[in-house]
């Protein structure tokens, strides 16, 4: 948790989850959530913002199911969520997320050849939802009692449309942190005129309240927000990935 954002109480639907629980209604997962497109296997947003956010939604078509599960449940030093145990884990199908036969209404026709087509051909779609609970031996200061984690192997604009735009909901925080570092992206996601930004702007639920922007390399590259709607000084800085948090400007 960071002090610059309010600490949100654990939602009732999340408190009620048991090992036998099915996936909750999708809008519940989206409310006050953080969406991290082209995320790879980076846990920075969960590490620092769990408690300010209780629902994390990740999407990346460059990660395989085996890679994801090994990272989530493996025994390595960089695996899993420190100080937490899984309450429930569920493998998801596309029908758990969107209606049968659903297709994204906005498609970048000029990009449906070359790099994007090849990446989508290689992708083996999967979905995984889990809820994590703080270990009894861990102090409250380490993080919230619970959080939800949804991971989709999907192209990021299609995932955003199928989740947020389809339900008319905007994430509270949009994380753009070195997009494409794991699997590669067909466009410059962070660009002020990217197709992904067009998708986000087209959502009737509005723009996210906050933009988390950062990456590897020189810190000077991340002194300002990548999208003009978040111009101005950051309201917070995270100690990893040179990441800053900017608030949406209504003007």
Protein backbone atom coordinates (compact mmCIF):
# COMPACT_ATOMS: atom_id res chain seq x y z
CA UNK A 1 0.00 0.00 0.00
CA UNK A 2 1.12 3.54 -0.64
CA UNK A 3 -0.02 6.45 1.57
CA UNK A 4 -0.81 8.73 -1.39
CA UNK A 5 -3.89 6.61 -2.21
CA UNK A 6 -6.74 5.67 0.11
CA UNK A 7 -6.70 2.22 1.69
CA UNK A 8 -9.87 0.47 0.53
CA UNK A 9 -11.64 -2.03 2.82
CA UNK A 10 -11.82 -5.59 1.52
CA UNK A 11 -14.99 -5.87 -0.63
CA UNK A 12 -17.75 -8.11 0.69
CA UNK A 13 -17.64 -10.40 -2.38
CA UNK A 14 -13.91 -10.98 -1.83
CA UNK A 15 -14.31 -11.67 1.90
CA UNK A 16 -16.94 -14.30 1.07
CA UNK A 17 -14.71 -16.36 -1.26
CA UNK A 18 -14.07 -19.95 -0.16
CA UNK A 19 -12.10 -22.79 -1.79
CA UNK A 20 -15.35 -23.96 -3.40
CA UNK A 21 -16.28 -20.57 -4.87
CA UNK A 22 -16.83 -20.08 -8.57
CA UNK A 23 -15.70 -16.98 -10.43
CA UNK A 24 -17.74 -13.98 -9.21
CA UNK A 25 -19.65 -11.82 -11.65
CA UNK A 26 -17.08 -10.11 -13.87
CA UNK A 27 -18.14 -6.51 -12.98
CA UNK A 28 -17.20 -7.22 -9.36
CA UNK A 29 -13.65 -8.07 -10.44
CA UNK A 30 -13.41 -4.86 -12.46
CA UNK A 31 -14.66 -2.35 -9.90
CA UNK A 32 -11.78 -0.28 -8.45
CA UNK A 33 -9.33 -2.65 -10.13
CA UNK A 34 -5.88 -2.28 -11.65
CA UNK A 35 -5.41 -3.33 -15.28
CA UNK A 36 -1.87 -4.20 -16.36
CA UNK A 37 -1.54 -4.83 -20.13
CA UNK A 38 1.55 -6.46 -21.66
CA UNK A 39 2.56 -7.33 -18.10
CA UNK A 40 4.81 -10.34 -18.56
CA UNK A 41 5.34 -11.78 -15.09
CA UNK A 42 5.98 -8.52 -13.26
CA UNK A 43 4.48 -8.33 -9.78
CA UNK A 44 5.37 -4.68 -9.00
CA UNK A 45 1.76 -3.35 -8.97
CA UNK A 46 0.59 -6.08 -6.59
CA UNK A 47 3.63 -5.65 -4.37
CA UNK A 48 3.09 -1.94 -3.81
CA UNK A 49 -0.61 -1.26 -4.45
CA UNK A 50 -2.43 -4.22 -2.86
CA UNK A 51 -4.65 -2.61 -0.26
CA UNK A 52 -5.15 0.51 -2.35
CA UNK A 53 -6.52 -2.00 -4.89
CA UNK A 54 -8.06 -5.40 -4.13
CA UNK A 55 -8.51 -6.70 -7.68
CA UNK A 56 -5.70 -7.02 -10.21
CA UNK A 57 -6.30 -7.84 -13.89
CA UNK A 58 -3.28 -8.79 -16.02
CA UNK A 59 -3.15 -9.50 -19.77
CA UNK A 60 -0.30 -10.66 -22.00
CA UNK A 61 -0.41 -12.93 -25.07
CA UNK A 62 3.32 -13.61 -24.90
CA UNK A 63 3.20 -15.71 -21.71
CA UNK A 64 2.37 -19.41 -21.81
CA UNK A 65 0.18 -21.13 -19.26
CA UNK A 66 3.13 -23.24 -18.10
CA UNK A 67 5.30 -20.15 -17.57
CA UNK A 68 2.53 -18.41 -15.67
CA UNK A 69 1.69 -21.31 -13.35
CA UNK A 70 5.35 -22.01 -12.66
CA UNK A 71 5.84 -18.39 -11.68
CA UNK A 72 2.63 -18.22 -9.65
CA UNK A 73 3.02 -21.47 -7.70
CA UNK A 74 6.70 -22.31 -8.02
CA UNK A 75 9.21 -22.48 -5.20
CA UNK A 76 11.76 -20.07 -6.67
CA UNK A 77 12.73 -16.82 -4.93
CA UNK A 78 10.78 -14.73 -7.45
CA UNK A 79 7.69 -16.96 -7.55
CA UNK A 80 4.27 -16.39 -6.02
CA UNK A 81 3.13 -13.65 -3.69
CA UNK A 82 5.29 -13.30 -0.60
CA UNK A 83 3.44 -13.69 2.74
CA UNK A 84 0.26 -14.93 1.00
CA UNK A 85 -1.41 -18.28 0.35
CA UNK A 86 -4.00 -19.15 -2.28
CA UNK A 87 -7.61 -19.42 -1.08
CA UNK A 88 -8.89 -20.51 -4.49
CA UNK A 89 -7.48 -21.02 -7.99
CA UNK A 90 -9.61 -21.53 -11.08
CA UNK A 91 -8.76 -22.16 -14.72
CA UNK A 92 -11.09 -20.09 -16.90
CA UNK A 93 -12.50 -20.40 -20.40
CA UNK A 94 -13.39 -17.53 -22.72
CA UNK A 95 -17.08 -18.08 -21.91
CA UNK A 96 -16.35 -17.28 -18.25
CA UNK A 97 -15.31 -13.79 -19.30
CA UNK A 98 -17.34 -12.82 -22.39
CA UNK A 99 -20.55 -14.13 -24.03
CA UNK A 100 -20.13 -16.97 -26.58
CA UNK A 101 -19.15 -15.65 -29.98
CA UNK A 102 -18.16 -12.21 -28.67
CA UNK A 103 -15.66 -10.28 -30.79
CA UNK A 104 -13.98 -6.94 -30.03
CA UNK A 105 -15.82 -4.15 -31.85
CA UNK A 106 -12.64 -2.10 -32.39
CA UNK A 107 -10.03 -3.86 -34.53
CA UNK A 108 -6.86 -2.24 -35.93
CA UNK A 109 -7.35 -3.49 -39.49
CA UNK A 110 -4.07 -2.07 -40.75
CA UNK A 111 -2.18 -4.08 -38.16
CA UNK A 112 -3.82 -7.46 -38.73
CA UNK A 113 -0.86 -8.58 -40.78
CA UNK A 114 2.77 -9.12 -39.90
CA UNK A 115 3.78 -8.92 -36.26
CA UNK A 116 0.33 -8.89 -34.65
CA UNK A 117 -0.97 -11.78 -36.77
CA UNK A 118 2.13 -13.86 -36.00
CA UNK A 119 1.92 -13.19 -32.25
CA UNK A 120 -1.76 -14.10 -32.13
CA UNK A 121 -1.04 -17.31 -34.06
CA UNK A 122 1.56 -18.30 -31.48
CA UNK A 123 -0.61 -17.43 -28.49
CA UNK A 124 -2.34 -20.28 -26.65
CA UNK A 125 -5.14 -18.45 -24.84
CA UNK A 126 -5.83 -19.25 -21.21
CA UNK A 127 -7.39 -17.58 -18.21
CA UNK A 128 -6.64 -18.04 -14.53
CA UNK A 129 -8.30 -16.50 -11.49
CA UNK A 130 -7.08 -16.76 -7.92
CA UNK A 131 -7.67 -15.17 -4.52
CA UNK A 132 -4.80 -14.72 -2.08
CA UNK A 133 -4.95 -14.39 1.70
CA UNK A 134 -2.30 -12.99 4.03
CA UNK A 135 -0.63 -15.62 6.19
CA UNK A 136 -1.69 -15.53 9.87
CA UNK A 137 1.93 -15.04 10.93
CA UNK A 138 2.31 -11.94 8.74
CA UNK A 139 1.67 -8.48 10.25
CA UNK A 140 -1.13 -6.32 8.82
CA UNK A 141 1.42 -3.77 7.61
CA UNK A 142 2.60 -6.27 4.98
CA UNK A 143 -0.57 -5.91 2.91
CA UNK A 144 -4.32 -6.41 2.83
CA UNK A 145 -6.04 -9.49 4.17
CA UNK A 146 -7.05 -10.59 0.63
CA UNK A 147 -6.75 -9.67 -3.02
CA UNK A 148 -8.02 -11.09 -6.33
CA UNK A 149 -5.72 -11.82 -9.28
CA UNK A 150 -7.02 -12.45 -12.82
CA UNK A 151 -4.55 -13.30 -15.60
CA UNK A 152 -5.50 -13.59 -19.27
CA UNK A 153 -3.32 -14.71 -22.18
CA UNK A 154 -4.90 -12.25 -24.59
CA UNK A 155 -4.07 -9.30 -26.81
CA UNK A 156 -4.31 -6.29 -24.52
CA UNK A 157 -6.82 -4.19 -26.50
CA UNK A 158 -9.13 -7.15 -27.04
CA UNK A 159 -8.96 -8.01 -23.33
CA UNK A 160 -9.76 -4.42 -22.36
CA UNK A 161 -12.79 -4.37 -24.65
CA UNK A 162 -14.03 -7.76 -23.49
CA UNK A 163 -13.74 -6.78 -19.84
CA UNK A 164 -13.95 -3.05 -19.19
CA UNK A 165 -15.58 -1.64 -22.32
CA UNK A 166 -18.11 -4.48 -22.53
CA UNK A 167 -19.32 -3.72 -19.01
CA UNK A 168 -18.91 0.07 -19.18
CA UNK A 169 -16.41 0.08 -16.31
CA UNK A 170 -12.99 1.73 -16.13
CA UNK A 171 -10.17 0.38 -13.97
CA UNK A 172 -9.15 2.63 -11.13
CA UNK A 173 -5.49 2.30 -12.18
CA UNK A 174 -4.02 1.52 -15.60
CA UNK A 175 -0.43 0.25 -15.44
CA UNK A 176 1.82 0.78 -18.46
CA UNK A 177 5.22 -0.56 -17.41
CA UNK A 178 7.66 -1.50 -20.18
CA UNK A 179 4.90 -3.05 -22.32
CA UNK A 180 6.00 -5.93 -24.48
CA UNK A 181 9.12 -6.75 -22.48
CA UNK A 182 8.07 -10.40 -22.14
CA UNK A 183 6.28 -11.28 -25.34
CA UNK A 184 6.61 -8.26 -27.62
CA UNK A 185 3.90 -5.86 -28.73
CA UNK A 186 2.80 -4.92 -32.23
CA UNK A 187 2.57 -1.19 -31.40
CA UNK A 188 4.05 1.32 -28.98
CA UNK A 189 1.41 0.91 -26.27
CA UNK A 190 2.64 3.91 -24.31
CA UNK A 191 2.38 6.21 -27.34
CA UNK A 192 -0.03 9.11 -27.00
CA UNK A 193 -1.71 8.04 -30.26
CA UNK A 194 -1.63 4.24 -29.84
CA UNK A 195 -4.54 2.03 -30.80
CA UNK A 196 -4.68 0.79 -27.21
CA UNK A 197 -5.19 4.35 -25.98
CA UNK A 198 -8.00 4.75 -28.54
CA UNK A 199 -9.64 1.64 -27.07
CA UNK A 200 -9.32 2.99 -23.52
CA UNK A 201 -10.73 6.39 -24.51
CA UNK A 202 -13.70 4.78 -26.27
CA UNK A 203 -14.94 3.08 -23.09
CA UNK A 204 -18.27 4.59 -22.00
CA UNK A 205 -17.08 4.05 -18.43
CA UNK A 206 -14.49 6.79 -18.91
CA UNK A 207 -10.73 6.88 -18.46
CA UNK A 208 -8.93 5.29 -15.49
CA UNK A 209 -8.51 7.66 -12.54
CA UNK A 210 -4.79 6.92 -12.32
CA UNK A 211 -1.97 5.94 -14.68
CA UNK A 212 1.01 3.97 -13.40
CA UNK A 213 3.86 4.45 -15.86
CA UNK A 214 7.43 3.19 -15.70
CA UNK A 215 9.95 0.75 -17.08
CA UNK A 216 13.57 -0.29 -17.22
CA UNK A 217 16.49 1.85 -18.33
CA UNK A 218 17.04 5.49 -17.43
CA UNK A 219 14.79 7.10 -14.81
CA UNK A 220 14.71 10.30 -16.89
CA UNK A 221 12.54 8.50 -19.44
CA UNK A 222 9.72 8.22 -16.89
CA UNK A 223 9.60 11.69 -15.37
CA UNK A 224 6.30 12.47 -17.13
CA UNK A 225 3.21 10.40 -17.87
CA UNK A 226 3.12 8.76 -21.28
CA UNK A 227 -0.44 9.95 -22.04
CA UNK A 228 -1.38 13.64 -22.18
CA UNK A 229 -4.56 13.14 -20.13
CA UNK A 230 -2.30 12.56 -17.12
CA UNK A 231 -0.05 15.60 -17.51
CA UNK A 232 1.43 17.18 -14.41
CA UNK A 233 3.62 15.99 -11.55
CA UNK A 234 3.18 12.42 -10.27
CA UNK A 235 1.29 11.98 -7.03
CA UNK A 236 3.54 9.08 -5.98
CA UNK A 237 6.64 7.13 -6.96
CA UNK A 238 7.22 3.40 -6.52
CA UNK A 239 10.71 2.12 -5.66
CA UNK A 240 10.75 -0.27 -8.64
CA UNK A 241 10.70 0.15 -12.43
CA UNK A 242 11.07 3.95 -12.13
CA UNK A 243 7.28 3.87 -11.85
CA UNK A 244 5.24 6.97 -11.14
CA UNK A 245 1.53 7.38 -10.50
CA UNK A 246 -0.33 10.17 -12.24
CA UNK A 247 -3.92 11.34 -11.82
CA UNK A 248 -6.32 11.86 -14.71
CA UNK A 249 -6.93 15.48 -15.63
CA UNK A 250 -10.61 16.28 -16.37
CA UNK A 251 -9.72 19.14 -18.74
